[in-house]
Amino acid sequence: MRHSMHLHGHDFRLLNGQGENAPLKNNVDIMPMETDTLEFNANVEGDWFFLCHILYHMMSGMGRVLSYENQTPNPLIPNPKLAQRKLFADDRKFHFMAENDFATNGNDGMAMFQNTRWSIGTEWRLGYIDMHGYETETHIGRYIGKMQWFMPFIGFDWRYRKFGHNEIEKNLFGQTNTKDNRTQVSLGFNYTLPMMITLQSEVYQDGNVRLQLMREDIPIAKRLRMAFMVNTDKEYMFDIRYIINKNMGLRTHYDSDMGFGVGLALNF
């Protein structure tokens, strides 16, 4: 995502290859996957907040306190350790988000309750007929490490799909595929790869293994987004979405189980 970065107490130059004509700013709008270099005169002692001005980014941890070495104590912060704990408590507040797509081939969506470390999420895909199937997956995990690319989780997967008569499918590992009739607990992890692609690895209680690659919200144009998913259960999905406003969009997608659909996507 883009980030509107601001450094309190200072103006800075954006080093953009223009030498002495580099612009003087106190806020810079950084585009997705972009790297910018800032230069400022460190001449104002104090404790200053460097943050993203998209407020829910700030509240989820995108902010740091910039302080000067060997500075005199800040009279406005008599207890720096307590102030830091309060700041971190704000960063680690839980927030809720949800999305649902009412489509011609079924209903699918997700709900998530998370902070900067913990994530509790569930997603569902509900067909209108037994052949399209019904399924829900729930994962409870915790992000590990400073960069938070890695999240181990415990999962629960329930699904049912009536497809053919006594049909037995195999996954890519040659295991009997239970994706049409599954009630399983699992252990796994998510890992964020380059280009923001999520690798998910999961082992179910019956020993079956599933690997999955997915990316959501791929920017195509200002209001156009794309997503894809593919896994070793031989499932795949591709979608395109047009953003109407922050809470509504038009979506068309193809799902290997549910087929082609067009719908209205609502998000909160």
Protein backbone atom coordinates (compact mmCIF):
# COMPACT_ATOMS: atom_id res chain seq x y z
CA MET A 1 0.00 0.00 0.00
CA ARG A 2 1.02 3.63 -0.29
CA HIS A 3 2.16 5.43 2.89
CA SER A 4 2.00 9.11 3.74
CA MET A 5 5.12 9.44 5.90
CA HIS A 6 5.58 12.42 8.23
CA LEU A 7 8.38 13.33 10.65
CA HIS A 8 7.30 15.61 13.51
CA GLY A 9 9.48 18.55 14.43
CA HIS A 10 11.52 18.60 11.21
CA ASP A 11 11.35 19.38 7.54
CA PHE A 12 13.34 17.13 5.22
CA ARG A 13 14.63 16.99 1.68
CA LEU A 14 13.55 14.18 -0.62
CA LEU A 15 16.75 13.03 -2.35
CA ASN A 16 15.43 12.37 -5.84
CA GLY A 17 18.53 12.93 -7.99
CA GLN A 18 17.88 16.65 -8.51
CA GLY A 19 20.80 17.89 -6.38
CA GLU A 20 20.19 21.33 -4.89
CA ASN A 21 16.71 21.34 -6.43
CA ALA A 22 15.56 18.37 -4.29
CA PRO A 23 12.18 19.34 -2.78
CA LEU A 24 11.84 20.38 0.86
CA LYS A 25 8.91 18.58 2.51
CA ASN A 26 7.50 17.47 5.84
CA ASN A 27 5.34 14.73 4.37
CA VAL A 28 6.09 12.31 1.53
CA ASP A 29 3.63 9.96 -0.18
CA ILE A 30 5.50 6.68 -0.78
CA MET A 31 4.09 4.38 -3.44
CA PRO A 32 3.80 0.57 -3.05
CA MET A 33 7.21 -1.18 -3.11
CA GLU A 34 8.98 2.21 -3.49
CA THR A 35 12.11 3.23 -1.58
CA ASP A 36 12.81 6.89 -0.79
CA THR A 37 15.74 8.59 0.93
CA LEU A 38 15.18 11.57 3.24
CA GLU A 39 17.73 14.09 4.53
CA PHE A 40 17.12 16.45 7.45
CA ASN A 41 19.07 18.75 9.74
CA ALA A 42 19.17 17.05 13.16
CA ASN A 43 19.12 20.28 15.16
CA VAL A 44 15.97 20.01 17.31
CA GLU A 45 16.49 17.90 20.42
CA GLY A 46 13.47 15.99 21.63
CA ASP A 47 11.39 12.88 21.07
CA TRP A 48 9.68 13.06 17.68
CA PHE A 49 7.19 10.72 16.06
CA PHE A 50 7.91 9.39 12.56
CA LEU A 51 4.69 7.84 11.27
CA CYS A 52 2.34 7.01 8.45
CA HIS A 53 -0.53 9.50 8.38
CA ILE A 54 -3.01 6.85 7.26
CA LEU A 55 -4.31 6.48 10.80
CA TYR A 56 -5.10 2.78 10.84
CA HIS A 57 -1.56 2.12 9.57
CA MET A 58 -0.21 4.17 12.48
CA MET A 59 -2.48 2.38 14.96
CA SER A 60 -1.31 -1.02 13.72
CA GLY A 61 2.33 -0.16 14.38
CA MET A 62 3.65 1.98 11.53
CA GLY A 63 5.37 4.59 13.68
CA ARG A 64 8.67 5.09 15.48
CA VAL A 65 9.99 7.59 18.04
CA LEU A 66 13.09 9.45 16.86
CA SER A 67 15.27 10.70 19.75
CA TYR A 68 18.68 12.39 19.98
CA GLU A 69 21.62 10.70 21.67
CA ASN A 70 22.76 12.25 24.99
CA GLN A 71 19.94 14.80 24.93
CA THR A 72 18.71 16.52 28.05
CA PRO A 73 15.63 14.87 29.62
CA ASN A 74 12.35 15.84 27.98
CA PRO A 75 10.26 17.71 30.61
CA LEU A 76 7.06 16.68 28.77
CA ILE A 77 7.90 12.98 29.23
CA PRO A 78 8.87 12.51 32.89
CA ASN A 79 8.73 8.69 32.62
CA PRO A 80 10.02 7.62 29.18
CA LYS A 81 9.58 3.88 29.81
CA LEU A 82 5.92 4.35 30.80
CA ALA A 83 5.35 6.57 27.75
CA GLN A 84 6.88 3.90 25.50
CA ARG A 85 4.64 1.20 26.99
CA LYS A 86 1.57 3.38 26.32
CA LEU A 87 2.72 3.95 22.74
CA PHE A 88 3.23 0.23 22.16
CA ALA A 89 -0.17 -0.50 23.71
CA ASP A 90 -1.78 1.76 21.09
CA ASP A 91 0.17 -0.01 18.33
CA ARG A 92 -1.01 -3.40 19.54
CA LYS A 93 -4.70 -2.67 19.73
CA PHE A 94 -6.91 -5.26 18.06
CA HIS A 95 -9.02 -4.27 15.07
CA PHE A 96 -11.78 -6.05 13.16
CA MET A 97 -12.30 -6.33 9.42
CA ALA A 98 -14.77 -8.25 7.29
CA GLU A 99 -15.64 -8.74 3.63
CA ASN A 100 -18.43 -10.56 1.82
CA ASP A 101 -19.12 -11.13 -1.87
CA PHE A 102 -22.71 -11.78 -2.94
CA ALA A 103 -22.17 -13.46 -6.31
CA THR A 104 -24.16 -15.34 -8.91
CA ASN A 105 -22.33 -18.61 -8.15
CA GLY A 106 -22.30 -18.41 -4.34
CA ASN A 107 -21.34 -16.39 -1.32
CA ASP A 108 -17.78 -16.05 -0.10
CA GLY A 109 -16.10 -13.82 2.44
CA MET A 110 -13.78 -13.45 5.38
CA ALA A 111 -13.65 -11.95 8.87
CA MET A 112 -10.50 -11.15 10.81
CA PHE A 113 -9.66 -9.92 14.31
CA GLN A 114 -6.00 -9.01 14.68
CA ASN A 115 -3.29 -6.69 15.92
CA THR A 116 0.38 -6.35 14.98
CA ARG A 117 1.17 -9.85 16.28
CA TRP A 118 -1.96 -11.99 16.66
CA SER A 119 -4.39 -12.94 13.91
CA ILE A 120 -7.72 -14.74 14.26
CA GLY A 121 -9.33 -15.19 10.86
CA THR A 122 -12.03 -17.22 9.20
CA GLU A 123 -13.11 -17.44 5.57
CA TRP A 124 -16.05 -19.13 3.90
CA ARG A 125 -17.28 -20.17 0.47
CA LEU A 126 -20.94 -21.17 0.30
CA GLY A 127 -22.42 -22.47 -2.94
CA TYR A 128 -26.10 -22.41 -3.80
CA ILE A 129 -26.12 -26.14 -4.68
CA ASP A 130 -24.36 -29.19 -3.19
CA MET A 131 -22.15 -29.56 -6.27
CA HIS A 132 -20.60 -26.15 -5.60
CA GLY A 133 -20.09 -27.08 -1.96
CA TYR A 134 -19.80 -25.36 1.39
CA GLU A 135 -16.59 -24.72 3.27
CA THR A 136 -15.05 -22.68 6.04
CA GLU A 137 -11.44 -22.34 7.23
CA THR A 138 -10.34 -20.77 10.52
CA HIS A 139 -6.75 -19.95 11.49
CA ILE A 140 -5.35 -18.63 14.79
CA GLY A 141 -1.74 -17.53 14.48
CA ARG A 142 1.00 -15.22 15.67
CA TYR A 143 3.49 -13.30 13.52
CA ILE A 144 7.12 -14.00 14.40
CA GLY A 145 10.14 -11.74 13.99
CA LYS A 146 10.74 -8.04 13.47
CA MET A 147 9.54 -8.00 9.86
CA GLN A 148 6.54 -10.27 10.58
CA TRP A 149 6.81 -12.25 7.35
CA PHE A 150 6.26 -15.58 9.18
CA MET A 151 3.10 -16.67 11.00
CA PRO A 152 2.65 -20.19 12.46
CA PHE A 153 -1.00 -21.08 13.06
CA ILE A 154 -3.49 -23.67 14.29
CA GLY A 155 -6.37 -24.23 11.88
CA PHE A 156 -9.75 -25.86 11.54
CA ASP A 157 -11.17 -26.78 8.13
CA TRP A 158 -14.71 -27.97 7.40
CA ARG A 159 -16.05 -28.54 3.91
CA TYR A 160 -18.58 -30.57 1.96
CA ARG A 161 -19.14 -30.85 -1.77
CA LYS A 162 -21.21 -33.44 -3.62
CA PHE A 163 -19.34 -34.11 -6.82
CA GLY A 164 -19.93 -37.30 -8.78
CA HIS A 165 -20.58 -40.78 -7.38
CA ASN A 166 -17.93 -42.49 -5.24
CA GLU A 167 -15.31 -40.34 -6.94
CA ILE A 168 -11.82 -40.48 -5.41
CA GLU A 169 -9.40 -37.67 -6.15
CA LYS A 170 -5.70 -37.37 -5.37
CA ASN A 171 -3.83 -34.21 -4.48
CA LEU A 172 -0.50 -33.33 -6.10
CA PHE A 173 1.33 -35.44 -3.50
CA GLY A 174 -0.68 -38.57 -4.37
CA GLN A 175 -2.67 -38.48 -1.13
CA THR A 176 -6.41 -39.21 -1.11
CA ASN A 177 -7.97 -35.76 -1.33
CA THR A 178 -10.50 -34.93 1.40
CA LYS A 179 -11.39 -31.49 0.11
CA ASP A 180 -14.94 -32.61 -0.77
CA ASN A 181 -15.67 -33.97 2.72
CA ARG A 182 -13.31 -32.66 5.38
CA THR A 183 -13.50 -31.98 9.13
CA GLN A 184 -9.90 -31.52 10.17
CA VAL A 185 -7.64 -29.71 12.62
CA SER A 186 -4.34 -28.56 11.14
CA LEU A 187 -0.95 -27.04 11.91
CA GLY A 188 0.75 -24.74 9.45
CA PHE A 189 2.32 -21.41 8.65
CA ASN A 190 1.99 -18.42 6.35
CA TYR A 191 5.11 -16.84 4.87
CA THR A 192 5.11 -13.62 2.85
CA LEU A 193 7.21 -14.04 -0.30
CA PRO A 194 8.50 -11.27 -2.60
CA MET A 195 5.76 -9.38 -4.48
CA MET A 196 3.51 -9.87 -1.41
CA ILE A 197 2.60 -13.43 -2.40
CA THR A 198 1.57 -15.53 0.62
CA LEU A 199 2.85 -19.10 0.85
CA GLN A 200 0.68 -21.25 3.12
CA SER A 201 1.79 -24.70 4.25
CA GLU A 202 -0.63 -26.85 6.22
CA VAL A 203 -0.64 -30.42 7.62
CA TYR A 204 -4.02 -31.90 8.60
CA GLN A 205 -4.65 -34.39 11.37
CA ASP A 206 -5.06 -37.22 8.84
CA GLY A 207 -1.55 -36.54 7.47
CA ASN A 208 -2.63 -34.77 4.28
CA VAL A 209 -0.47 -31.82 3.24
CA ARG A 210 -1.55 -28.70 1.39
CA LEU A 211 0.63 -25.96 -0.07
CA GLN A 212 -0.96 -22.79 -1.37
CA LEU A 213 0.12 -19.59 -3.11
CA MET A 214 -2.13 -16.54 -3.00
CA ARG A 215 -2.05 -12.81 -3.46
CA GLU A 216 -4.94 -10.41 -2.95
CA ASP A 217 -5.30 -6.74 -3.90
CA ILE A 218 -2.88 -6.67 -6.85
CA PRO A 219 -3.09 -3.08 -8.21
CA ILE A 220 -3.93 -2.92 -11.93
CA ALA A 221 -5.28 0.64 -12.10
CA LYS A 222 -6.49 3.29 -9.67
CA ARG A 223 -9.77 1.46 -8.99
CA LEU A 224 -8.99 -1.96 -10.42
CA ARG A 225 -7.57 -4.86 -8.38
CA MET A 226 -6.77 -8.49 -9.13
CA ALA A 227 -6.21 -11.62 -7.00
CA PHE A 228 -5.27 -15.27 -7.49
CA MET A 229 -4.96 -18.51 -5.53
CA VAL A 230 -3.63 -21.97 -6.43
CA ASN A 231 -2.92 -24.99 -4.19
CA THR A 232 -1.91 -28.65 -4.18
CA ASP A 233 -5.53 -29.79 -3.68
CA LYS A 234 -5.89 -28.76 -7.36
CA GLU A 235 -7.98 -25.74 -6.41
CA TYR A 236 -7.49 -22.37 -8.06
CA MET A 237 -9.17 -18.97 -8.17
CA PHE A 238 -8.77 -15.76 -10.17
CA ASP A 239 -10.68 -12.53 -9.63
CA ILE A 240 -10.88 -8.92 -10.79
CA ARG A 241 -12.51 -6.19 -8.71
CA TYR A 242 -13.59 -2.63 -9.48
CA ILE A 243 -13.59 -0.36 -6.40
CA ILE A 244 -16.71 1.80 -6.15
CA ASN A 245 -15.86 3.28 -2.74
CA LYS A 246 -14.04 2.20 0.44
CA ASN A 247 -16.84 -0.18 1.44
CA MET A 248 -18.12 -1.48 -1.90
CA GLY A 249 -16.88 -2.98 -5.14
CA LEU A 250 -17.93 -5.02 -8.16
CA ARG A 251 -16.22 -8.40 -8.44
CA THR A 252 -15.98 -11.10 -11.08
CA HIS A 253 -14.14 -14.34 -10.40
CA TYR A 254 -13.60 -17.92 -11.48
CA ASP A 255 -13.31 -20.63 -8.82
CA SER A 256 -12.37 -24.24 -9.62
CA ASP A 257 -15.19 -25.54 -7.40
CA MET A 258 -17.87 -22.89 -7.86
CA GLY A 259 -17.26 -21.80 -11.43
CA PHE A 260 -17.70 -18.31 -12.82
CA GLY A 261 -19.51 -15.62 -10.86
CA VAL A 262 -20.22 -11.90 -10.77
CA GLY A 263 -21.20 -10.11 -7.61
CA LEU A 264 -21.23 -7.18 -5.24
CA ALA A 265 -18.43 -7.15 -2.64
CA LEU A 266 -18.94 -5.31 0.66
CA ASN A 267 -16.13 -4.72 3.12
CA PHE A 268 -15.76 -3.13 6.55
